Amino acid sequence: MAEFLIITGPGASLGFRCAGVECFEAGAEVDLPSFLLKLQAEGRYGLVAVEEKILKKVSEHEMRRINKRGLPIIIPINIPEKWGEVEFGESPVVRLIRRAIGYQIKIKK
């Protein structure tokens, strides 16, 4: 059975760990594309959630190479820096809609 892993920056995984989710904190020294390829080769994880700030360091070419095999599925997650802070970056839903229809739309909350 495939497992679930969350990759965050240093100090951001505490809430996930409290919920019993397996986490990996990727510091500046971690080469994320190589790490994701290593996870893919192991075949242990079916879903890997990566903090969006960290995932932005991976080029589109490298992500296509990683996603080519299909597993693990890599999803970006937004983790606010402080309590009550607005989420970092663009929503994955907005990005998906823009890619599907080829046009940027504004979604009001």
N, C-alpha and C. Protein backbone atom coordinates (compact mmCIF):
# COMPACT_ATOMS: atom_id res chain seq x y z
N MET A 1 0.83 -1.18 0.00
CA MET A 1 0.00 0.00 0.00
C MET A 1 0.88 1.24 0.00
N ALA A 2 0.57 2.19 -0.86
CA ALA A 2 1.35 3.42 -0.97
C ALA A 2 1.08 4.32 0.23
N GLU A 3 2.11 5.05 0.62
CA GLU A 3 2.01 5.93 1.77
C GLU A 3 1.94 7.39 1.36
N PHE A 4 1.75 8.27 2.35
CA PHE A 4 1.60 9.70 2.16
C PHE A 4 2.76 10.41 2.86
N LEU A 5 3.38 11.36 2.19
CA LEU A 5 4.49 12.13 2.75
C LEU A 5 4.26 13.60 2.52
N ILE A 6 4.61 14.41 3.51
CA ILE A 6 4.54 15.86 3.38
C ILE A 6 5.96 16.41 3.48
N ILE A 7 6.33 17.26 2.52
CA ILE A 7 7.64 17.91 2.53
C ILE A 7 7.42 19.39 2.77
N THR A 8 8.04 19.91 3.84
CA THR A 8 7.91 21.31 4.21
C THR A 8 9.29 21.92 4.42
N GLY A 9 9.28 23.21 4.65
CA GLY A 9 10.50 23.89 5.05
C GLY A 9 10.77 23.61 6.53
N PRO A 10 11.94 24.01 7.02
CA PRO A 10 12.27 23.78 8.42
C PRO A 10 11.25 24.41 9.37
N GLY A 11 10.77 23.62 10.32
CA GLY A 11 9.85 24.10 11.34
C GLY A 11 8.39 24.15 10.95
N ALA A 12 8.04 23.84 9.72
CA ALA A 12 6.65 23.97 9.27
C ALA A 12 5.87 22.67 9.36
N SER A 13 6.49 21.60 9.78
CA SER A 13 5.81 20.31 9.75
C SER A 13 5.19 19.89 11.09
N LEU A 14 5.32 20.70 12.10
CA LEU A 14 4.88 20.31 13.44
C LEU A 14 3.40 19.92 13.49
N GLY A 15 2.54 20.71 12.87
CA GLY A 15 1.11 20.40 12.88
C GLY A 15 0.79 19.09 12.19
N PHE A 16 1.49 18.82 11.08
CA PHE A 16 1.29 17.56 10.36
C PHE A 16 1.78 16.38 11.20
N ARG A 17 2.91 16.57 11.86
CA ARG A 17 3.44 15.50 12.72
C ARG A 17 2.49 15.19 13.87
N CYS A 18 1.89 16.24 14.44
CA CYS A 18 0.92 16.04 15.53
C CYS A 18 -0.29 15.24 15.06
N ALA A 19 -0.62 15.35 13.78
CA ALA A 19 -1.74 14.60 13.21
C ALA A 19 -1.33 13.18 12.81
N GLY A 20 -0.05 12.85 12.98
CA GLY A 20 0.41 11.50 12.68
C GLY A 20 0.85 11.28 11.25
N VAL A 21 1.06 12.36 10.50
CA VAL A 21 1.47 12.25 9.11
C VAL A 21 2.99 12.24 9.02
N GLU A 22 3.53 11.41 8.16
CA GLU A 22 4.98 11.35 7.97
C GLU A 22 5.44 12.60 7.23
N CYS A 23 6.49 13.24 7.75
CA CYS A 23 6.97 14.50 7.18
C CYS A 23 8.47 14.48 6.96
N PHE A 24 8.91 15.31 6.04
CA PHE A 24 10.32 15.55 5.79
C PHE A 24 10.51 17.05 5.68
N GLU A 25 11.44 17.60 6.48
CA GLU A 25 11.73 19.03 6.41
C GLU A 25 12.93 19.24 5.52
N ALA A 26 12.70 19.93 4.41
CA ALA A 26 13.75 20.17 3.42
C ALA A 26 14.38 21.53 3.66
N GLY A 27 15.63 21.52 4.06
CA GLY A 27 16.37 22.76 4.24
C GLY A 27 16.95 23.23 2.92
N ALA A 28 17.73 24.30 2.98
CA ALA A 28 18.33 24.87 1.77
C ALA A 28 19.32 23.92 1.11
N GLU A 29 19.90 23.01 1.89
CA GLU A 29 20.91 22.10 1.35
C GLU A 29 20.33 20.91 0.57
N VAL A 30 19.02 20.71 0.65
CA VAL A 30 18.38 19.57 -0.02
C VAL A 30 18.15 19.88 -1.50
N ASP A 31 18.60 18.97 -2.36
CA ASP A 31 18.34 19.07 -3.80
C ASP A 31 17.00 18.38 -4.04
N LEU A 32 15.93 19.18 -4.09
CA LEU A 32 14.58 18.62 -4.15
C LEU A 32 14.32 17.74 -5.37
N PRO A 33 14.73 18.12 -6.59
CA PRO A 33 14.48 17.21 -7.72
C PRO A 33 15.11 15.83 -7.52
N SER A 34 16.34 15.79 -7.03
CA SER A 34 17.00 14.50 -6.77
C SER A 34 16.28 13.72 -5.68
N PHE A 35 15.82 14.43 -4.65
CA PHE A 35 15.12 13.79 -3.55
C PHE A 35 13.80 13.18 -4.05
N LEU A 36 13.06 13.93 -4.89
CA LEU A 36 11.80 13.42 -5.43
C LEU A 36 12.02 12.22 -6.34
N LEU A 37 13.10 12.25 -7.13
CA LEU A 37 13.42 11.09 -7.98
C LEU A 37 13.77 9.88 -7.13
N LYS A 38 14.45 10.10 -6.02
CA LYS A 38 14.80 9.01 -5.10
C LYS A 38 13.53 8.41 -4.50
N LEU A 39 12.59 9.28 -4.09
CA LEU A 39 11.31 8.79 -3.56
C LEU A 39 10.56 7.98 -4.61
N GLN A 40 10.62 8.44 -5.85
CA GLN A 40 9.96 7.74 -6.95
C GLN A 40 10.56 6.36 -7.17
N ALA A 41 11.88 6.28 -7.10
CA ALA A 41 12.56 5.00 -7.30
C ALA A 41 12.23 4.01 -6.18
N GLU A 42 12.07 4.52 -4.96
CA GLU A 42 11.74 3.64 -3.83
C GLU A 42 10.35 3.04 -3.99
N GLY A 43 9.41 3.81 -4.55
CA GLY A 43 8.06 3.31 -4.75
C GLY A 43 7.23 3.19 -3.49
N ARG A 44 7.68 3.80 -2.42
CA ARG A 44 7.00 3.69 -1.13
C ARG A 44 5.79 4.63 -1.03
N TYR A 45 5.87 5.81 -1.68
CA TYR A 45 4.84 6.83 -1.53
C TYR A 45 3.97 6.93 -2.77
N GLY A 46 2.67 7.08 -2.54
CA GLY A 46 1.73 7.27 -3.62
C GLY A 46 1.34 8.73 -3.78
N LEU A 47 1.45 9.49 -2.68
CA LEU A 47 1.09 10.90 -2.68
C LEU A 47 2.13 11.67 -1.87
N VAL A 48 2.67 12.72 -2.46
CA VAL A 48 3.64 13.57 -1.78
C VAL A 48 3.13 15.00 -1.88
N ALA A 49 2.85 15.61 -0.74
CA ALA A 49 2.43 17.01 -0.69
C ALA A 49 3.67 17.84 -0.36
N VAL A 50 3.95 18.84 -1.19
CA VAL A 50 5.15 19.65 -1.02
C VAL A 50 4.75 21.10 -0.82
N GLU A 51 5.37 21.74 0.16
CA GLU A 51 5.10 23.16 0.39
C GLU A 51 5.42 23.93 -0.88
N GLU A 52 4.49 24.79 -1.28
CA GLU A 52 4.60 25.47 -2.58
C GLU A 52 5.87 26.29 -2.71
N LYS A 53 6.31 26.93 -1.63
CA LYS A 53 7.54 27.73 -1.70
C LYS A 53 8.73 26.87 -2.09
N ILE A 54 8.77 25.66 -1.59
CA ILE A 54 9.88 24.75 -1.89
C ILE A 54 9.73 24.19 -3.31
N LEU A 55 8.51 23.86 -3.69
CA LEU A 55 8.27 23.27 -5.00
C LEU A 55 8.58 24.24 -6.14
N LYS A 56 8.49 25.54 -5.88
CA LYS A 56 8.81 26.53 -6.91
C LYS A 56 10.28 26.48 -7.32
N LYS A 57 11.13 25.88 -6.50
CA LYS A 57 12.55 25.76 -6.82
C LYS A 57 12.82 24.67 -7.86
N VAL A 58 11.82 23.84 -8.15
CA VAL A 58 11.96 22.76 -9.12
C VAL A 58 11.48 23.30 -10.48
N SER A 59 12.30 23.18 -11.49
CA SER A 59 11.94 23.68 -12.82
C SER A 59 10.81 22.85 -13.43
N GLU A 60 10.13 23.44 -14.43
CA GLU A 60 9.05 22.72 -15.11
C GLU A 60 9.57 21.46 -15.80
N HIS A 61 10.75 21.56 -16.38
CA HIS A 61 11.35 20.40 -17.06
C HIS A 61 11.56 19.26 -16.06
N GLU A 62 12.08 19.58 -14.89
CA GLU A 62 12.31 18.54 -13.88
C GLU A 62 10.98 17.97 -13.37
N MET A 63 9.96 18.81 -13.21
CA MET A 63 8.66 18.31 -12.77
C MET A 63 8.03 17.39 -13.80
N ARG A 64 8.17 17.72 -15.08
CA ARG A 64 7.64 16.83 -16.13
C ARG A 64 8.34 15.48 -16.07
N ARG A 65 9.65 15.50 -15.85
CA ARG A 65 10.42 14.26 -15.75
C ARG A 65 9.96 13.42 -14.56
N ILE A 66 9.69 14.09 -13.45
CA ILE A 66 9.24 13.38 -12.24
C ILE A 66 7.82 12.85 -12.43
N ASN A 67 6.94 13.67 -13.02
CA ASN A 67 5.54 13.28 -13.19
C ASN A 67 5.32 12.26 -14.30
N LYS A 68 6.32 12.02 -15.12
CA LYS A 68 6.19 11.12 -16.27
C LYS A 68 5.76 9.71 -15.84
N ARG A 69 6.30 9.23 -14.74
CA ARG A 69 5.96 7.89 -14.28
C ARG A 69 4.61 7.82 -13.58
N GLY A 70 4.09 8.94 -13.13
CA GLY A 70 2.77 8.96 -12.51
C GLY A 70 2.75 8.87 -11.01
N LEU A 71 3.62 8.07 -10.42
CA LEU A 71 3.65 7.94 -8.95
C LEU A 71 5.03 8.28 -8.45
N PRO A 72 5.13 8.97 -7.36
CA PRO A 72 4.04 9.48 -6.56
C PRO A 72 3.41 10.71 -7.19
N ILE A 73 2.15 10.93 -6.86
CA ILE A 73 1.47 12.15 -7.28
C ILE A 73 1.98 13.25 -6.38
N ILE A 74 2.41 14.35 -6.98
CA ILE A 74 2.98 15.46 -6.21
C ILE A 74 2.00 16.62 -6.26
N ILE A 75 1.57 17.08 -5.08
CA ILE A 75 0.64 18.20 -5.02
C ILE A 75 1.26 19.33 -4.20
N PRO A 76 1.05 20.58 -4.63
CA PRO A 76 1.55 21.70 -3.85
C PRO A 76 0.56 22.04 -2.73
N ILE A 77 1.09 22.45 -1.59
CA ILE A 77 0.24 22.91 -0.50
C ILE A 77 0.76 24.26 -0.03
N ASN A 78 -0.16 25.11 0.41
CA ASN A 78 0.20 26.42 0.95
C ASN A 78 0.20 26.34 2.46
N ILE A 79 1.29 26.77 3.07
CA ILE A 79 1.39 26.79 4.52
C ILE A 79 1.65 28.22 4.95
N PRO A 80 0.69 28.87 5.65
CA PRO A 80 0.91 30.24 6.11
C PRO A 80 2.07 30.31 7.10
N GLU A 81 2.81 31.41 7.06
CA GLU A 81 3.95 31.60 7.97
C GLU A 81 3.49 31.84 9.40
N LYS A 82 2.39 32.61 9.55
CA LYS A 82 1.90 32.97 10.88
C LYS A 82 0.41 32.68 10.95
N TRP A 83 -0.09 32.59 12.16
CA TRP A 83 -1.50 32.37 12.38
C TRP A 83 -2.30 33.52 11.77
N GLY A 84 -3.30 33.21 10.96
CA GLY A 84 -4.16 34.21 10.37
C GLY A 84 -3.60 34.85 9.11
N GLU A 85 -2.43 34.44 8.68
CA GLU A 85 -1.82 35.02 7.49
C GLU A 85 -2.52 34.51 6.23
N VAL A 86 -2.58 35.36 5.23
CA VAL A 86 -3.13 34.96 3.94
C VAL A 86 -2.19 33.95 3.33
N GLU A 87 -2.74 32.99 2.61
CA GLU A 87 -1.94 31.93 2.01
C GLU A 87 -0.91 32.49 1.05
N PHE A 88 0.20 31.80 0.92
CA PHE A 88 1.27 32.17 0.00
C PHE A 88 0.89 31.78 -1.41
N GLY A 89 1.17 32.66 -2.33
CA GLY A 89 1.06 32.31 -3.75
C GLY A 89 -0.36 32.12 -4.25
N GLU A 90 -0.43 31.55 -5.41
CA GLU A 90 -1.67 31.34 -6.12
C GLU A 90 -2.29 30.01 -5.72
N SER A 91 -3.59 29.97 -5.63
CA SER A 91 -4.30 28.75 -5.28
C SER A 91 -4.09 27.69 -6.36
N PRO A 92 -3.88 26.43 -5.98
CA PRO A 92 -3.75 25.37 -6.98
C PRO A 92 -5.00 25.23 -7.84
N VAL A 93 -6.18 25.56 -7.28
CA VAL A 93 -7.42 25.47 -8.05
C VAL A 93 -7.42 26.52 -9.16
N VAL A 94 -6.99 27.75 -8.83
CA VAL A 94 -6.93 28.81 -9.84
C VAL A 94 -5.94 28.44 -10.93
N ARG A 95 -4.81 27.90 -10.55
CA ARG A 95 -3.78 27.49 -11.51
C ARG A 95 -4.31 26.39 -12.43
N LEU A 96 -5.05 25.43 -11.87
CA LEU A 96 -5.63 24.34 -12.65
C LEU A 96 -6.66 24.86 -13.64
N ILE A 97 -7.52 25.78 -13.20
CA ILE A 97 -8.54 26.35 -14.09
C ILE A 97 -7.87 27.12 -15.21
N ARG A 98 -6.84 27.93 -14.88
CA ARG A 98 -6.15 28.71 -15.91
C ARG A 98 -5.53 27.79 -16.95
N ARG A 99 -4.93 26.71 -16.50
CA ARG A 99 -4.31 25.77 -17.43
C ARG A 99 -5.36 25.06 -18.30
N ALA A 100 -6.51 24.73 -17.72
CA ALA A 100 -7.55 24.00 -18.44
C ALA A 100 -8.23 24.86 -19.50
N ILE A 101 -8.53 26.13 -19.14
CA ILE A 101 -9.26 26.96 -20.10
C ILE A 101 -8.36 27.93 -20.85
N GLY A 102 -7.12 28.07 -20.40
CA GLY A 102 -6.19 28.94 -21.09
C GLY A 102 -6.41 30.41 -20.82
N TYR A 103 -7.06 30.72 -19.71
CA TYR A 103 -7.37 32.12 -19.43
C TYR A 103 -7.39 32.31 -17.92
N GLN A 104 -6.86 33.44 -17.45
CA GLN A 104 -6.86 33.75 -16.02
C GLN A 104 -8.22 34.33 -15.62
N ILE A 105 -8.86 33.74 -14.62
CA ILE A 105 -10.12 34.29 -14.12
C ILE A 105 -9.92 34.71 -12.66
N LYS A 106 -10.72 35.63 -12.22
CA LYS A 106 -10.63 36.09 -10.83
C LYS A 106 -11.74 35.43 -10.04
N ILE A 107 -11.35 34.73 -8.99
CA ILE A 107 -12.32 34.03 -8.14
C ILE A 107 -12.47 34.83 -6.86
N LYS A 108 -13.68 35.27 -6.58
CA LYS A 108 -13.95 36.02 -5.35
C LYS A 108 -14.30 35.05 -4.25
N LYS A 109 -13.81 35.34 -3.07
CA LYS A 109 -14.09 34.47 -1.92
C LYS A 109 -15.28 34.96 -1.14
